Protein backbone atom coordinates (compact mmCIF):
# COMPACT_ATOMS: atom_id res chain seq x y z
CA MET A 1 4.82 9.63 34.58
CA ASN A 2 5.05 7.36 31.59
CA SER A 3 5.13 9.11 28.28
CA HIS A 4 3.82 5.97 26.54
CA ARG A 5 5.12 7.33 23.30
CA GLY A 6 4.48 3.96 21.73
CA LEU A 7 5.75 2.85 18.37
CA ALA A 8 4.47 5.57 16.20
CA ALA A 9 6.45 6.95 13.37
CA SER A 10 9.78 5.47 12.59
CA LEU A 11 7.98 2.91 10.55
CA GLY A 12 5.90 5.87 9.53
CA VAL A 13 4.15 4.36 6.55
CA CYS A 14 1.04 4.02 8.68
CA ASP A 15 1.16 7.03 10.95
CA ASN A 16 -2.35 7.95 9.90
CA VAL A 17 -3.33 8.55 13.49
CA ASN A 18 -0.81 11.13 14.64
CA TRP A 19 -3.50 13.10 16.39
CA PRO A 20 -2.97 15.68 19.09
CA THR A 21 0.71 16.27 18.43
CA ARG A 22 0.25 19.71 20.00
CA ASP A 23 1.48 17.77 23.01
CA THR A 24 -0.93 15.12 24.10
CA ARG A 25 1.48 14.28 26.86
CA ILE A 26 0.71 17.57 28.58
CA ILE A 27 -3.03 17.01 28.21
CA ARG A 28 -2.89 13.50 29.60
CA LYS A 29 -0.71 14.49 32.51
CA THR A 30 -2.86 17.51 33.29
CA VAL A 31 -5.79 15.21 33.97
CA GLY A 32 -3.58 12.83 35.93
CA HIS A 33 -3.66 10.04 33.37
CA LEU A 34 -0.70 7.89 32.48
CA HIS A 35 -2.03 6.69 29.17
CA GLU A 36 -0.67 8.47 26.11
CA ARG A 37 -1.44 5.79 23.63
CA TRP A 38 0.66 3.62 21.41
CA LEU A 39 0.68 5.93 18.49
CA LEU A 40 1.31 9.56 19.25
CA SER A 41 5.01 10.25 18.94
CA LEU A 42 6.61 11.34 15.72
CA SER A 43 9.98 10.06 16.88
CA VAL A 44 9.46 6.41 17.72
CA PRO A 45 9.01 3.35 15.49
CA ALA A 46 5.60 2.42 14.19
CA LEU A 47 5.10 -1.26 14.45
CA LEU A 48 1.94 -0.08 16.19
CA LEU A 49 0.42 2.01 13.51
CA CYS A 50 -0.81 -0.33 10.90
CA GLY A 51 -3.31 -3.02 11.56
CA CYS A 52 -4.77 -6.33 10.61
CA GLY A 53 -8.42 -7.18 10.86
CA THR A 54 -11.42 -8.19 8.82
CA ASP A 55 -14.31 -5.77 8.67
CA ALA A 56 -16.22 -3.30 10.79
CA THR A 57 -17.57 -6.00 13.08
CA GLN A 58 -15.80 -7.51 16.05
CA PRO A 59 -13.27 -9.95 14.54
CA GLY A 60 -12.97 -13.56 15.53
CA PRO A 61 -9.79 -15.10 16.99
CA PRO A 62 -6.63 -14.55 14.95
CA SER A 63 -5.49 -17.47 12.86
CA PRO A 64 -2.60 -19.51 14.28
CA PRO A 65 0.87 -18.07 13.70
CA GLU A 66 2.98 -19.24 10.79
CA GLY A 67 6.68 -19.20 10.14
CA PRO A 68 9.58 -19.06 10.13
CA LEU A 69 9.48 -15.96 7.94
CA PRO A 70 12.11 -13.43 6.83
CA ILE A 71 11.40 -10.05 8.45
CA VAL A 72 12.80 -6.58 7.71
CA LEU A 73 11.79 -3.77 10.09
CA ASP A 74 12.58 -0.24 8.96
CA PHE A 75 13.02 2.76 11.26
CA CYS A 76 13.02 6.45 10.41
CA PRO A 77 16.43 8.15 10.47
CA LEU A 78 15.78 10.03 13.71
CA SER A 79 14.51 6.93 15.50
CA VAL A 80 16.87 4.08 14.75
CA PRO A 81 17.22 2.08 17.99
CA THR A 82 20.54 2.14 19.79
CA PHE A 83 19.92 -1.51 20.67
CA PHE A 84 17.76 -4.11 18.90
CA ALA A 85 17.43 -7.82 19.70
CA TYR A 86 15.07 -10.67 18.88
CA ARG A 87 14.39 -14.07 20.41
CA ASN A 88 12.74 -16.94 18.61
CA ASP A 89 10.82 -19.30 20.85
CA GLY A 90 13.17 -21.66 22.66
CA GLU A 91 16.30 -19.70 21.70
CA ALA A 92 18.44 -17.00 23.28
CA TRP A 93 18.18 -13.28 22.59
CA THR A 94 20.24 -12.21 19.56
CA ARG A 95 21.38 -8.65 18.98
CA LEU A 96 21.13 -7.14 15.49
CA SER A 97 22.78 -4.11 13.93
CA PRO A 98 20.92 -1.90 11.45
CA ASP A 99 21.86 -1.60 7.80
CA ALA A 100 22.66 1.75 6.20
CA ASN A 101 18.93 2.51 5.88
CA GLY A 102 18.11 1.89 9.54
CA SER A 103 16.51 -1.52 8.91
CA PHE A 104 16.86 -4.74 10.93
CA ALA A 105 16.61 -8.10 9.13
CA PHE A 106 16.09 -11.50 10.77
CA THR A 107 14.14 -14.74 10.42
CA ALA A 108 11.21 -14.91 12.83
CA ALA A 109 9.79 -18.12 14.25
CA PRO A 110 6.02 -18.55 14.70
CA LYS A 111 6.53 -17.21 18.25
CA VAL A 112 9.06 -14.41 18.48
CA ALA A 113 9.95 -11.55 20.81
CA ILE A 114 11.69 -8.32 19.86
CA ALA A 115 13.10 -5.59 22.07
CA PHE A 116 14.72 -2.25 21.27
CA VAL A 117 16.01 0.81 23.07
CA LEU A 118 15.16 4.37 22.00
CA ALA A 119 15.46 8.00 23.00
CA GLY A 120 18.82 8.04 24.77
CA ASN A 121 18.11 4.86 26.76
CA GLN A 122 14.90 6.39 28.13
CA GLN A 123 12.43 4.14 26.33
CA ILE A 124 12.42 0.41 25.71
CA GLU A 125 9.83 -1.52 23.71
CA THR A 126 9.30 -5.26 23.98
CA PHE A 127 6.89 -7.25 21.81
CA TYR A 128 5.86 -10.84 22.39
CA THR A 129 4.37 -11.52 18.99
CA SER A 130 4.54 -13.79 15.93
CA ALA A 131 6.12 -14.05 12.52
CA GLN A 132 2.65 -13.57 11.04
CA ASP A 133 2.15 -10.29 12.93
CA LEU A 134 5.58 -8.98 11.92
CA GLU A 135 5.16 -10.02 8.30
CA ALA A 136 2.44 -7.38 7.91
CA VAL A 137 4.97 -4.57 8.41
CA SER A 138 8.05 -6.29 7.06
CA GLY A 139 9.66 -4.34 4.25
CA LEU A 140 7.56 -1.21 4.73
CA THR A 141 9.80 1.84 4.57
CA CYS A 142 9.74 4.93 6.69
CA GLN A 143 7.72 7.87 5.46
CA GLY A 144 6.99 11.28 6.88
CA GLN A 145 10.48 12.53 7.80
CA GLY A 146 12.95 14.28 5.55
CA GLY A 147 15.49 17.07 5.25
CA LYS A 148 13.74 19.69 3.14
CA THR A 149 12.74 23.16 4.34
CA LEU A 150 9.86 25.12 2.81
CA SER A 151 8.55 28.61 3.53
CA GLY A 152 5.12 30.18 3.04
CA SER A 153 2.44 32.53 4.30
CA TRP A 154 -1.31 32.88 4.80
CA ALA A 155 -3.97 35.29 3.58
CA ASN A 156 -7.51 36.04 4.77
CA LEU A 157 -7.43 33.88 7.87
CA GLY A 158 -9.85 36.13 9.73
CA ALA A 159 -9.43 38.20 12.87
CA GLY A 160 -7.95 36.19 15.73
CA ALA A 161 -7.60 33.10 13.51
CA PHE A 162 -4.63 30.82 12.94
CA ALA A 163 -3.85 28.01 10.53
CA VAL A 164 -1.88 24.76 10.50
CA VAL A 165 -0.04 23.44 7.45
CA THR A 166 1.46 19.95 7.11
CA ALA A 167 3.65 18.09 4.64
CA GLY A 168 4.15 14.46 5.57
CA SER A 169 4.49 14.59 9.34
CA SER A 170 6.07 18.05 9.30
CA ARG A 171 3.70 20.70 10.59
CA VAL A 172 3.67 24.32 11.66
CA ALA A 173 0.95 26.60 13.05
CA GLY A 174 0.55 30.36 13.21
CA SER A 175 -0.95 33.41 11.59
CA GLY A 176 2.10 34.90 9.92
CA PRO A 177 4.89 33.69 7.62
CA PHE A 178 5.99 30.14 8.38
CA ILE A 179 8.81 27.67 7.78
CA LEU A 180 8.18 23.94 7.39
CA ALA A 181 11.20 21.88 8.42
CA SER A 182 11.95 18.15 8.04
CA VAL A 183 9.77 17.89 4.94
CA PRO A 184 10.05 14.44 3.30
CA ASP A 185 11.50 13.86 -0.14
CA GLY A 186 9.41 12.54 -2.98
CA THR A 187 5.82 13.25 -3.94
CA LEU A 188 3.69 14.70 -1.17
CA ASP A 189 0.50 16.56 -0.38
CA LEU A 190 0.32 19.92 1.38
CA MET A 191 -2.66 20.46 3.64
CA ALA A 192 -3.64 23.65 5.45
CA ILE A 193 -6.49 23.98 7.97
CA ASN A 194 -7.85 27.36 9.08
CA TYR A 195 -9.15 27.89 12.62
CA ARG A 196 -11.23 30.96 11.83
CA ASP A 197 -12.59 31.41 15.35
CA GLY A 198 -9.21 30.55 16.91
CA ILE A 199 -10.66 27.31 18.34
CA SER A 200 -12.37 25.05 15.79
CA PRO A 201 -11.23 24.01 12.28
CA SER A 202 -13.22 25.73 9.56
CA GLU A 203 -11.72 25.41 6.04
CA ALA A 204 -9.18 23.22 4.31
CA ILE A 205 -6.76 23.68 1.42
CA ILE A 206 -5.13 20.56 -0.06
CA ARG A 207 -2.46 20.71 -2.77
CA ARG A 208 -1.72 17.32 -4.30
CA ASP A 209 1.21 15.44 -5.80
CA LEU A 210 3.89 18.07 -5.20
CA VAL A 211 7.67 17.67 -5.27
CA PRO A 212 8.81 21.03 -3.92
CA ALA A 213 12.49 21.91 -4.07
CA ASP A 214 14.40 22.32 -0.84
CA GLY A 215 14.32 25.95 0.26
CA SER A 216 11.48 26.90 -2.04
CA SER A 217 8.68 29.33 -1.19
CA LEU A 218 5.12 28.05 -1.45
CA PRO A 219 2.28 29.99 -3.08
CA VAL A 220 0.20 31.87 -0.51
CA PHE A 221 -2.52 29.85 1.24
CA ASP A 222 -5.47 32.19 0.66
CA PHE A 223 -8.56 31.19 2.64
CA SER A 224 -10.82 33.48 0.63
CA SER A 225 -9.88 31.76 -2.64
CA ALA A 226 -11.66 28.91 -4.42
CA GLU A 227 -8.87 26.66 -3.14
CA ALA A 228 -10.32 26.85 0.39
CA VAL A 229 -13.31 24.59 1.08
CA PRO A 230 -15.38 24.53 4.31
CA LEU A 231 -15.05 21.36 6.37
CA ALA A 232 -18.05 19.03 6.49
CA SER A 233 -20.01 18.92 9.75
CA ASN A 234 -21.59 15.70 11.07
CA LEU A 235 -22.91 14.18 14.29
CA LEU A 236 -21.27 11.49 16.42
CA THR A 237 -23.49 9.38 18.72
CA VAL A 238 -21.78 7.42 21.49
CA SER A 239 -23.29 4.48 23.40
CA GLY A 240 -21.87 2.95 26.53
CA LEU A 241 -20.92 6.12 28.39
CA LEU A 242 -20.80 5.88 32.18
CA PHE A 243 -21.63 8.50 34.77
CA GLY A 244 -18.68 10.75 35.42
CA ASP A 245 -16.85 9.97 32.19
CA PHE A 246 -14.49 12.67 30.93
CA ASN A 247 -14.74 12.64 27.15
CA ASN A 248 -12.38 13.62 24.34
CA LEU A 249 -12.92 13.53 20.58
CA PHE A 250 -10.18 13.89 17.97
CA ILE A 251 -10.19 13.67 14.17
CA THR A 252 -7.21 12.95 11.93
CA ILE A 253 -6.91 12.64 8.18
CA ARG A 254 -4.04 11.00 6.34
CA THR A 255 -3.84 11.69 2.63
CA ALA A 256 -2.90 9.20 -0.06
CA ASN A 257 0.61 10.67 -0.15
CA GLY A 258 1.11 10.39 3.61
CA THR A 259 0.36 13.88 4.93
CA THR A 260 -1.52 14.04 8.23
CA GLN A 261 -3.65 16.71 9.84
CA ASN A 262 -5.48 16.43 13.14
CA TRP A 263 -7.83 18.49 15.26
CA GLU A 264 -9.82 18.11 18.44
CA HIS A 265 -13.53 18.46 18.95
CA GLY A 266 -13.72 18.89 22.67
CA ILE A 267 -12.06 18.03 25.94
CA ALA A 268 -14.14 17.46 29.10
CA TYR A 269 -17.54 17.58 27.42
CA ALA A 270 -20.63 15.62 28.41
CA GLY A 271 -23.46 14.03 26.48
CA ALA A 272 -23.89 11.19 24.02
CA THR A 273 -23.81 13.34 20.87
CA ARG A 274 -21.20 15.64 19.48
CA THR A 275 -20.67 17.56 16.25
CA PHE A 276 -17.39 16.89 14.44
CA ARG A 277 -15.80 18.05 11.21
CA SER A 278 -14.10 16.19 8.37
CA VAL A 279 -12.44 17.03 5.09
CA PRO A 280 -15.31 17.36 2.59
CA SER A 281 -15.87 14.92 -0.26
CA ALA A 282 -14.90 17.56 -2.82
CA LEU A 283 -11.31 17.51 -1.56
CA LEU A 284 -10.94 13.76 -1.04
CA ARG A 285 -9.31 11.25 -3.34
CA GLU A 286 -8.78 7.50 -3.25
CA GLY A 287 -6.34 6.59 -0.48
CA ASP A 288 -7.34 9.38 1.92
CA LEU A 289 -8.58 8.15 5.29
CA HIS A 290 -10.00 9.84 8.39
CA THR A 291 -9.54 8.56 11.94
CA LEU A 292 -12.12 9.34 14.62
CA SER A 293 -10.80 8.77 18.15
CA PHE A 294 -13.24 8.94 21.07
CA ASN A 295 -11.85 8.50 24.58
CA ALA A 296 -13.83 8.28 27.82
CA ARG A 297 -11.89 8.46 31.08
CA GLY A 298 -13.40 7.29 34.36
CA ASP A 299 -12.53 6.52 37.97
CA SER A 300 -11.12 10.02 38.54
CA PHE A 301 -9.23 9.85 35.23
CA THR A 302 -7.37 6.65 36.13
CA SER A 303 -9.12 4.28 33.72
CA TYR A 304 -10.20 4.75 30.12
CA ARG A 305 -12.13 3.25 27.24
CA GLU A 306 -11.76 4.25 23.62
CA GLU A 307 -12.97 3.44 20.16
CA ILE A 308 -11.09 4.47 17.03
CA LEU A 309 -13.08 4.45 13.80
CA TYR A 310 -11.62 4.74 10.30
CA TYR A 311 -13.66 6.33 7.53
CA ARG A 312 -13.13 8.03 4.20
CA GLN A 313 -16.25 10.05 3.44
CA PRO A 314 -17.81 12.44 5.98
CA ALA A 315 -21.10 11.21 7.46
CA ASP A 316 -22.86 10.88 10.81
CA LYS A 317 -21.16 8.20 12.91
CA GLY A 318 -22.04 5.99 15.86
CA ILE A 319 -19.76 4.06 18.21
CA VAL A 320 -20.30 1.73 21.17
CA LEU A 321 -17.70 1.84 23.92
CA GLY A 322 -16.60 -1.42 25.48
CA SER A 323 -16.74 -2.30 29.16
CA LYS A 324 -14.17 -1.35 31.77
CA LEU A 325 -10.95 -3.32 31.74
CA ASN A 326 -10.29 -5.87 34.45
CA PRO A 327 -7.72 -4.69 37.02
CA ALA A 328 -4.10 -5.48 36.20
CA THR A 329 -1.72 -6.83 38.84
CA PHE A 330 2.06 -6.68 38.96
CA THR A 331 4.75 -8.93 40.46
CA THR A 332 8.44 -8.17 40.95
CA LEU A 333 10.49 -10.94 39.32
CA ALA A 334 14.02 -9.69 40.04
CA THR A 335 15.85 -6.66 41.37
CA THR A 336 19.25 -7.37 39.78
CA PRO A 337 20.88 -6.65 37.41
CA TYR A 338 17.86 -4.38 37.00
CA LEU A 339 14.28 -4.37 38.20
CA ARG A 340 12.04 -6.74 36.24
CA ILE A 341 8.26 -6.87 36.64
CA ARG A 342 5.53 -9.15 35.35
CA GLY A 343 2.10 -7.80 34.42
CA THR A 344 -0.99 -10.00 34.75
CA LEU A 345 -4.43 -9.22 33.31
CA PRO A 346 -7.53 -11.45 33.22
CA SER A 347 -8.71 -11.79 29.63
CA GLN A 348 -11.94 -10.24 28.31
CA PRO A 349 -13.40 -11.43 24.97
CA GLU A 350 -14.09 -7.90 23.73
CA TYR A 351 -10.40 -7.03 24.20
CA GLY A 352 -8.93 -10.35 23.15
CA THR A 353 -6.31 -9.52 20.54
CA ALA A 354 -3.49 -7.69 22.31
CA VAL A 355 -2.38 -6.48 25.72
CA ARG A 356 0.17 -3.84 26.63
CA PHE A 357 1.72 -3.03 29.99
CA TYR A 358 3.26 0.38 30.61
CA PHE A 359 6.08 0.73 33.14
CA SER A 360 7.53 4.11 34.05
CA GLN A 361 10.19 5.20 36.51
CA LEU A 362 12.03 8.36 37.47
CA GLY A 363 15.69 7.45 37.85
CA SER A 364 17.71 8.32 40.95
CA SER A 365 19.80 10.75 38.91
CA GLY A 366 16.75 12.25 37.22
CA GLY A 367 15.20 11.49 33.88
CA GLU A 368 12.18 9.39 33.08
CA ARG A 369 12.50 5.81 31.87
CA ASP A 370 9.74 3.89 30.14
CA TRP A 371 9.52 0.18 29.38
CA ASN A 372 6.45 -0.87 27.40
CA VAL A 373 5.68 -4.57 26.99
CA THR A 374 3.17 -5.77 24.40
CA GLY A 375 1.79 -9.23 23.66
CA THR A 376 -0.46 -10.38 20.82
CA ALA A 377 -2.88 -13.29 20.79
CA ARG A 378 -0.87 -14.97 18.05
CA TYR A 379 2.08 -15.26 20.43
CA PHE A 380 -0.20 -17.35 22.64
CA GLY A 381 -1.20 -19.67 19.80
CA GLY A 382 -3.86 -17.65 18.00
CA SER A 383 -6.35 -16.76 20.72
CA ALA A 384 -6.16 -14.83 23.97
CA PRO A 385 -5.08 -16.78 27.05
CA SER A 386 -7.45 -16.87 30.01
CA THR A 387 -4.96 -14.63 31.78
CA TRP A 388 -2.39 -12.48 30.01
CA GLU A 389 1.08 -12.61 31.55
CA LEU A 390 3.89 -10.49 30.10
CA GLU A 391 7.17 -9.52 31.67
CA ILE A 392 10.11 -7.20 31.31
CA PRO A 393 12.77 -9.52 29.86
CA ASP A 394 16.30 -10.00 31.14
CA LEU A 395 18.51 -8.54 28.41
CA SER A 396 21.55 -8.00 30.59
CA ALA A 397 23.49 -10.87 29.01
CA VAL A 398 22.95 -9.59 25.46
CA THR A 399 26.03 -7.82 24.11
CA GLY A 400 25.49 -4.10 23.86
CA PHE A 401 22.43 -3.79 26.05
CA PRO A 402 22.77 -0.38 27.78
CA ALA A 403 22.80 -0.96 31.52
CA ALA A 404 21.48 2.57 32.05
CA ALA A 405 18.24 1.63 30.33
CA GLY A 406 17.22 -0.86 33.02
CA PHE A 407 14.95 0.11 35.89
CA GLU A 408 16.41 0.74 39.35
CA ALA A 409 15.10 -1.45 42.16
CA SER A 410 15.36 1.46 44.61
CA GLN A 411 12.94 3.67 42.67
CA THR A 412 9.15 3.65 42.58
CA THR A 413 7.75 2.26 39.32
CA THR A 414 4.31 3.15 37.99
CA ALA A 415 2.58 0.39 36.03
CA SER A 416 -0.68 0.12 34.12
CA GLY A 417 -2.36 -2.27 31.71
CA GLU A 418 -4.21 -1.90 28.43
CA ALA A 419 -6.04 -4.35 26.14
CA ARG A 420 -7.60 -4.02 22.71
CA SER A 421 -10.18 -5.66 20.49
CA ASN A 422 -8.08 -6.03 17.36
CA LEU A 423 -4.90 -4.81 15.76
CA LEU A 424 -6.37 -2.30 13.37
CA GLY A 425 -4.38 0.84 12.83
CA LEU A 426 -2.65 0.77 16.16
CA LEU A 427 -0.55 -2.35 16.31
CA ILE A 428 1.38 -4.71 14.08
CA GLY A 429 -0.33 -5.18 10.73
CA ARG A 430 -1.62 -3.63 7.54
CA PRO A 431 -3.01 -0.10 7.27
CA PRO A 432 -6.65 0.26 8.32
CA ARG A 433 -9.50 0.41 5.82
CA ASP A 434 -12.66 2.41 5.48
CA GLY A 435 -15.23 1.33 8.09
CA GLU A 436 -12.85 -0.60 10.35
CA PHE A 437 -12.38 0.13 14.02
CA VAL A 438 -10.53 -0.82 17.18
CA LYS A 439 -11.72 -0.74 20.79
CA TYR A 440 -9.40 -0.65 23.76
CA ALA A 441 -9.44 0.01 27.48
CA GLY A 442 -6.93 0.73 30.23
CA SER A 443 -6.90 -0.06 33.93
CA PRO A 444 -5.89 2.32 36.74
CA PRO A 445 -2.13 2.66 37.36
CA THR A 446 -0.33 1.00 40.24
CA ASP A 447 2.70 2.31 42.11
CA ILE A 448 5.33 -0.33 42.90
CA PRO A 449 7.52 1.04 45.73
CA GLY A 450 11.29 0.88 45.47
CA ARG A 451 13.28 -1.44 47.69
């Protein structure tokens, strides 16, 4: 199974959508679905987390790519690639080494590809993109990870309740004393959410603009104090549901200082309306942003459609799911020096900004390998091609490419396709804004037998 960890938090400045980190991979696999999104991991780079777009309506075609442009891509300390290379259009792949801060600097042509290896050679990311796409995240520094440790405790949670506290991307849950590890340096917000019934979020405590010392003990989070405020409750209405859809709803908030909290509002529920909760207006400040993620799975959990909506203030919301994605097809290009596959997907106007193919394989000696290949419309000249074609590149001739990262021709490979309406919040670009959204859809997976 492909973990599809995506590019989520090394370039963590935009990891505002780190929802279901309680292990979404388990949830997705439990329902037999390969798709784990481009944004869930807290250990992989986040070229995917910010976004570019216009407003809350379906955007028009991206403007043509520009360049060449100087690009600096920063990775969090725990997620610096073991191998990074880029290829400007018409040139050969060039390997780069990181600087002392885990950043890679290069000059990108209007059409450029990048590839990097993560997680002990178990995950590779390839982007066919543009200088204009990369410019939106160039120079952004990693946030959310650090080396501090904090301790604390709760009071008046309620019988059978538990709470979750976060600082940056560090989080811990429980009902007794806790320790927060990997807390980032600098100014941060602390956020605690109480689950008074043991299931649903009920109250929030947010402490702003703190610079706690390493090893310090936090004041008690008392959920009977004036510091605790009930979450706001609103109604979501969804259009475009299909018979047999399996629906999930998640909410995330990212504060102005980069702390994230997330909670779910139902797995496997039916109906076009659903109550959800948000941080109330009384606790919000400029720069805070919620993310509402609604996912509908169909075809016995093998396909999916989703809309992700960004909002600041709590209010009733409505979304319209897109149509099913066209089936993706896959062709084997080579079996040596490692297996290379091309993904093909007929274009659909409502998902015309980016396509991603997921490839996953269990190696002969054990251990899962993932190779995710993404292409943006700007790589194809500014608008989606009639048919998207993206392939696993041949990096074998590039100095330092780890041979163990390549797929084995003898092993079965599982492949699937995904396309999206714009780049907001989940791909290469600026952070999302209040009222913006992204739609995407995924096709059923295909097993490619080994040879």
